[in-house]
Structures are given as C-alpha cells and as structure tokens.
Amino acid sequence: MLVWAHGPAAAEDAPTLKDQIAECRAAEAERSELIRGGVVELYDKGVEWARSSAKPEELGRVRRVIALQERLMFGCPERFPMLLL
C-alpha cells in the first residue's frame, strides 16, 4: 500500500518497510497459489471464451492474479519474478 501524506502524524501512520515487504510476500504467495490452480490456462483461453463460457469465479481468479501482479510490479520495495500474462 502506498501512502501519500505529510507531517509528523503521517509518518507515524505509514507502514514500515518491514510491513510492506510482508504484505508483498503474502501477495506473492497468493499469486503463486492462483497460478498453481490453473489461472494461466484460463487466461490463455482468451476473451471470446471468457465472454461465452467462463464462470464468474473463474473471471474473478483471473482479475485477482492481474491485480496481484500489478501490486508486485509497481507497489513493492523488492522485486519478484513475474509470469507475464
């Protein structure tokens, strides 16, 4: 989570680097679990398949892995290996 704030109180409320790293590692663990669960195969089926055949929970898993990848790529202080969808 990126926090934009000013002043002494804002600095106290901001997550520490250790907290940010822990959140990112949890996001990486969730992303890895989704990938092991077959989300890449769902993604690879394409938009037309998604429109006609995908179940809502399948679309939700694809959305979630994309959101997690964005978080890991742009919001984390350390780098994680990425599987580009």
N, C-alpha and C. Protein backbone atom coordinates (compact mmCIF):
# COMPACT_ATOMS: atom_id res chain seq x y z
N MET A 1 0.84 -1.16 0.00
CA MET A 1 0.00 0.00 0.00
C MET A 1 0.89 1.23 0.00
N LEU A 2 0.69 2.11 -0.96
CA LEU A 2 1.43 3.35 -1.00
C LEU A 2 0.65 4.40 -0.22
N VAL A 3 1.35 5.15 0.61
CA VAL A 3 0.71 6.16 1.43
C VAL A 3 1.33 7.50 1.11
N TRP A 4 0.50 8.44 0.71
CA TRP A 4 0.96 9.80 0.44
C TRP A 4 0.38 10.70 1.51
N ALA A 5 1.22 11.22 2.35
CA ALA A 5 0.77 12.10 3.41
C ALA A 5 1.92 12.99 3.84
N HIS A 6 1.60 14.02 4.60
CA HIS A 6 2.62 14.98 5.03
C HIS A 6 2.51 15.18 6.53
N GLY A 7 3.62 15.55 7.15
CA GLY A 7 3.63 15.91 8.55
C GLY A 7 4.05 14.76 9.44
N PRO A 8 4.31 15.07 10.71
CA PRO A 8 4.79 14.05 11.65
C PRO A 8 3.78 12.93 11.90
N ALA A 9 2.49 13.24 11.98
CA ALA A 9 1.49 12.19 12.22
C ALA A 9 1.43 11.23 11.04
N ALA A 10 1.59 11.76 9.83
CA ALA A 10 1.55 10.91 8.64
C ALA A 10 2.68 9.89 8.66
N ALA A 11 3.86 10.31 9.09
CA ALA A 11 5.00 9.39 9.14
C ALA A 11 4.76 8.26 10.13
N GLU A 12 4.08 8.56 11.23
CA GLU A 12 3.79 7.53 12.22
C GLU A 12 2.79 6.51 11.71
N ASP A 13 1.86 6.94 10.85
CA ASP A 13 0.81 6.06 10.33
C ASP A 13 1.25 5.25 9.13
N ALA A 14 2.32 5.66 8.48
CA ALA A 14 2.79 4.97 7.28
C ALA A 14 3.32 3.59 7.64
N PRO A 15 3.05 2.59 6.78
CA PRO A 15 3.58 1.25 7.05
C PRO A 15 5.11 1.25 6.98
N THR A 16 5.71 0.45 7.80
CA THR A 16 7.16 0.34 7.78
C THR A 16 7.59 -0.48 6.57
N LEU A 17 8.86 -0.40 6.25
CA LEU A 17 9.40 -1.20 5.15
C LEU A 17 9.18 -2.68 5.42
N LYS A 18 9.38 -3.08 6.66
CA LYS A 18 9.16 -4.48 7.04
C LYS A 18 7.71 -4.90 6.79
N ASP A 19 6.76 -4.02 7.13
CA ASP A 19 5.34 -4.32 6.89
C ASP A 19 5.04 -4.41 5.39
N GLN A 20 5.61 -3.49 4.62
CA GLN A 20 5.40 -3.51 3.17
C GLN A 20 5.94 -4.79 2.56
N ILE A 21 7.11 -5.21 2.98
CA ILE A 21 7.70 -6.44 2.45
C ILE A 21 6.85 -7.64 2.82
N ALA A 22 6.34 -7.67 4.05
CA ALA A 22 5.48 -8.78 4.47
C ALA A 22 4.20 -8.83 3.64
N GLU A 23 3.59 -7.66 3.38
CA GLU A 23 2.38 -7.61 2.54
C GLU A 23 2.68 -8.10 1.13
N CYS A 24 3.83 -7.71 0.60
CA CYS A 24 4.20 -8.12 -0.76
C CYS A 24 4.47 -9.62 -0.83
N ARG A 25 5.10 -10.15 0.17
CA ARG A 25 5.35 -11.59 0.18
C ARG A 25 4.05 -12.38 0.29
N ALA A 26 3.09 -11.85 1.04
CA ALA A 26 1.78 -12.50 1.12
C ALA A 26 1.07 -12.45 -0.24
N ALA A 27 1.21 -11.31 -0.92
CA ALA A 27 0.62 -11.17 -2.26
C ALA A 27 1.27 -12.15 -3.22
N GLU A 28 2.58 -12.31 -3.12
CA GLU A 28 3.30 -13.26 -3.99
C GLU A 28 2.84 -14.69 -3.71
N ALA A 29 2.64 -15.03 -2.46
CA ALA A 29 2.18 -16.38 -2.11
C ALA A 29 0.78 -16.63 -2.68
N GLU A 30 -0.10 -15.63 -2.58
CA GLU A 30 -1.45 -15.78 -3.14
C GLU A 30 -1.39 -15.91 -4.66
N ARG A 31 -0.56 -15.09 -5.30
CA ARG A 31 -0.41 -15.16 -6.76
C ARG A 31 0.10 -16.53 -7.19
N SER A 32 1.08 -17.04 -6.48
CA SER A 32 1.63 -18.36 -6.80
C SER A 32 0.57 -19.45 -6.67
N GLU A 33 -0.24 -19.35 -5.66
CA GLU A 33 -1.31 -20.33 -5.45
C GLU A 33 -2.33 -20.27 -6.60
N LEU A 34 -2.68 -19.09 -7.03
CA LEU A 34 -3.61 -18.95 -8.16
C LEU A 34 -3.01 -19.54 -9.43
N ILE A 35 -1.73 -19.30 -9.64
CA ILE A 35 -1.06 -19.84 -10.84
C ILE A 35 -1.03 -21.36 -10.77
N ARG A 36 -0.69 -21.92 -9.62
CA ARG A 36 -0.71 -23.38 -9.48
C ARG A 36 -2.12 -23.94 -9.66
N GLY A 37 -3.13 -23.12 -9.37
CA GLY A 37 -4.52 -23.55 -9.50
C GLY A 37 -5.07 -23.44 -10.92
N GLY A 38 -4.25 -23.02 -11.88
CA GLY A 38 -4.67 -23.05 -13.27
C GLY A 38 -5.16 -21.73 -13.85
N VAL A 39 -4.88 -20.62 -13.20
CA VAL A 39 -5.38 -19.35 -13.70
C VAL A 39 -4.75 -18.96 -15.05
N VAL A 40 -3.51 -19.36 -15.30
CA VAL A 40 -2.87 -19.03 -16.57
C VAL A 40 -3.61 -19.72 -17.71
N GLU A 41 -4.00 -20.95 -17.50
CA GLU A 41 -4.74 -21.68 -18.54
C GLU A 41 -6.07 -20.98 -18.83
N LEU A 42 -6.74 -20.48 -17.78
CA LEU A 42 -7.98 -19.73 -18.00
C LEU A 42 -7.72 -18.48 -18.82
N TYR A 43 -6.67 -17.75 -18.47
CA TYR A 43 -6.31 -16.53 -19.17
C TYR A 43 -6.00 -16.82 -20.63
N ASP A 44 -5.28 -17.90 -20.88
CA ASP A 44 -4.87 -18.24 -22.24
C ASP A 44 -6.03 -18.63 -23.15
N LYS A 45 -7.18 -18.95 -22.57
CA LYS A 45 -8.34 -19.30 -23.40
C LYS A 45 -8.88 -18.09 -24.15
N GLY A 46 -8.59 -16.91 -23.68
CA GLY A 46 -8.92 -15.69 -24.42
C GLY A 46 -10.26 -15.06 -24.06
N VAL A 47 -10.45 -13.90 -24.66
CA VAL A 47 -11.61 -13.06 -24.36
C VAL A 47 -12.91 -13.70 -24.85
N GLU A 48 -12.90 -14.25 -26.04
CA GLU A 48 -14.14 -14.83 -26.58
C GLU A 48 -14.62 -15.98 -25.69
N TRP A 49 -13.72 -16.83 -25.26
CA TRP A 49 -14.10 -17.92 -24.36
C TRP A 49 -14.65 -17.34 -23.06
N ALA A 50 -13.98 -16.32 -22.54
CA ALA A 50 -14.42 -15.71 -21.28
C ALA A 50 -15.83 -15.15 -21.40
N ARG A 51 -16.12 -14.51 -22.52
CA ARG A 51 -17.46 -13.93 -22.72
C ARG A 51 -18.54 -15.00 -22.80
N SER A 52 -18.21 -16.10 -23.42
CA SER A 52 -19.25 -17.10 -23.67
C SER A 52 -19.30 -18.22 -22.63
N SER A 53 -18.18 -18.56 -22.01
CA SER A 53 -18.15 -19.80 -21.23
C SER A 53 -17.61 -19.67 -19.81
N ALA A 54 -16.93 -18.60 -19.49
CA ALA A 54 -16.28 -18.53 -18.17
C ALA A 54 -17.30 -18.35 -17.06
N LYS A 55 -17.04 -19.02 -15.97
CA LYS A 55 -17.86 -18.86 -14.77
C LYS A 55 -17.39 -17.61 -14.04
N PRO A 56 -18.28 -16.96 -13.29
CA PRO A 56 -17.88 -15.74 -12.57
C PRO A 56 -16.67 -15.94 -11.65
N GLU A 57 -16.58 -17.10 -11.00
CA GLU A 57 -15.44 -17.32 -10.10
C GLU A 57 -14.13 -17.47 -10.88
N GLU A 58 -14.21 -17.99 -12.12
CA GLU A 58 -13.01 -18.09 -12.95
C GLU A 58 -12.53 -16.70 -13.36
N LEU A 59 -13.46 -15.84 -13.76
CA LEU A 59 -13.10 -14.48 -14.11
C LEU A 59 -12.54 -13.74 -12.90
N GLY A 60 -13.10 -14.00 -11.74
CA GLY A 60 -12.61 -13.37 -10.52
C GLY A 60 -11.18 -13.78 -10.21
N ARG A 61 -10.84 -15.04 -10.45
CA ARG A 61 -9.46 -15.50 -10.22
C ARG A 61 -8.49 -14.84 -11.18
N VAL A 62 -8.90 -14.69 -12.44
CA VAL A 62 -8.03 -14.02 -13.43
C VAL A 62 -7.85 -12.56 -13.03
N ARG A 63 -8.93 -11.88 -12.67
CA ARG A 63 -8.82 -10.48 -12.23
C ARG A 63 -7.90 -10.36 -11.03
N ARG A 64 -8.04 -11.28 -10.09
CA ARG A 64 -7.24 -11.21 -8.87
C ARG A 64 -5.75 -11.39 -9.17
N VAL A 65 -5.38 -12.34 -10.02
CA VAL A 65 -3.97 -12.54 -10.33
C VAL A 65 -3.39 -11.33 -11.06
N ILE A 66 -4.18 -10.70 -11.91
CA ILE A 66 -3.71 -9.49 -12.59
C ILE A 66 -3.49 -8.37 -11.57
N ALA A 67 -4.42 -8.19 -10.64
CA ALA A 67 -4.27 -7.17 -9.61
C ALA A 67 -3.05 -7.44 -8.73
N LEU A 68 -2.84 -8.70 -8.39
CA LEU A 68 -1.67 -9.04 -7.57
C LEU A 68 -0.38 -8.77 -8.33
N GLN A 69 -0.34 -9.09 -9.61
CA GLN A 69 0.86 -8.83 -10.40
C GLN A 69 1.14 -7.33 -10.48
N GLU A 70 0.09 -6.52 -10.65
CA GLU A 70 0.28 -5.07 -10.65
C GLU A 70 0.86 -4.60 -9.32
N ARG A 71 0.32 -5.12 -8.25
CA ARG A 71 0.82 -4.76 -6.91
C ARG A 71 2.29 -5.12 -6.75
N LEU A 72 2.64 -6.32 -7.17
CA LEU A 72 4.01 -6.79 -7.03
C LEU A 72 4.98 -6.01 -7.93
N MET A 73 4.53 -5.64 -9.11
CA MET A 73 5.41 -4.94 -10.05
C MET A 73 5.60 -3.47 -9.70
N PHE A 74 4.54 -2.82 -9.20
CA PHE A 74 4.58 -1.37 -9.05
C PHE A 74 4.46 -0.88 -7.62
N GLY A 75 4.16 -1.74 -6.67
CA GLY A 75 3.93 -1.27 -5.32
C GLY A 75 4.77 -1.93 -4.25
N CYS A 76 5.75 -2.68 -4.64
CA CYS A 76 6.56 -3.41 -3.66
C CYS A 76 8.00 -2.92 -3.69
N PRO A 77 8.63 -2.87 -2.51
CA PRO A 77 10.01 -2.41 -2.45
C PRO A 77 11.03 -3.45 -2.92
N GLU A 78 10.62 -4.69 -3.12
CA GLU A 78 11.54 -5.70 -3.64
C GLU A 78 10.95 -6.30 -4.90
N ARG A 79 11.78 -6.90 -5.71
CA ARG A 79 11.33 -7.47 -6.98
C ARG A 79 10.98 -8.94 -6.82
N PHE A 80 9.95 -9.35 -7.55
CA PHE A 80 9.53 -10.75 -7.57
C PHE A 80 9.56 -11.21 -9.02
N PRO A 81 9.90 -12.49 -9.26
CA PRO A 81 9.84 -12.99 -10.64
C PRO A 81 8.40 -12.93 -11.14
N MET A 82 8.22 -12.47 -12.36
CA MET A 82 6.88 -12.29 -12.90
C MET A 82 6.61 -13.25 -14.05
N LEU A 83 5.42 -13.76 -14.05
CA LEU A 83 4.91 -14.50 -15.18
C LEU A 83 4.00 -13.52 -15.91
N LEU A 84 4.40 -13.07 -17.07
CA LEU A 84 3.64 -12.05 -17.76
C LEU A 84 2.44 -12.66 -18.46
N LEU A 85 1.28 -12.18 -18.09
CA LEU A 85 0.04 -12.64 -18.72
C LEU A 85 -0.26 -11.81 -19.92
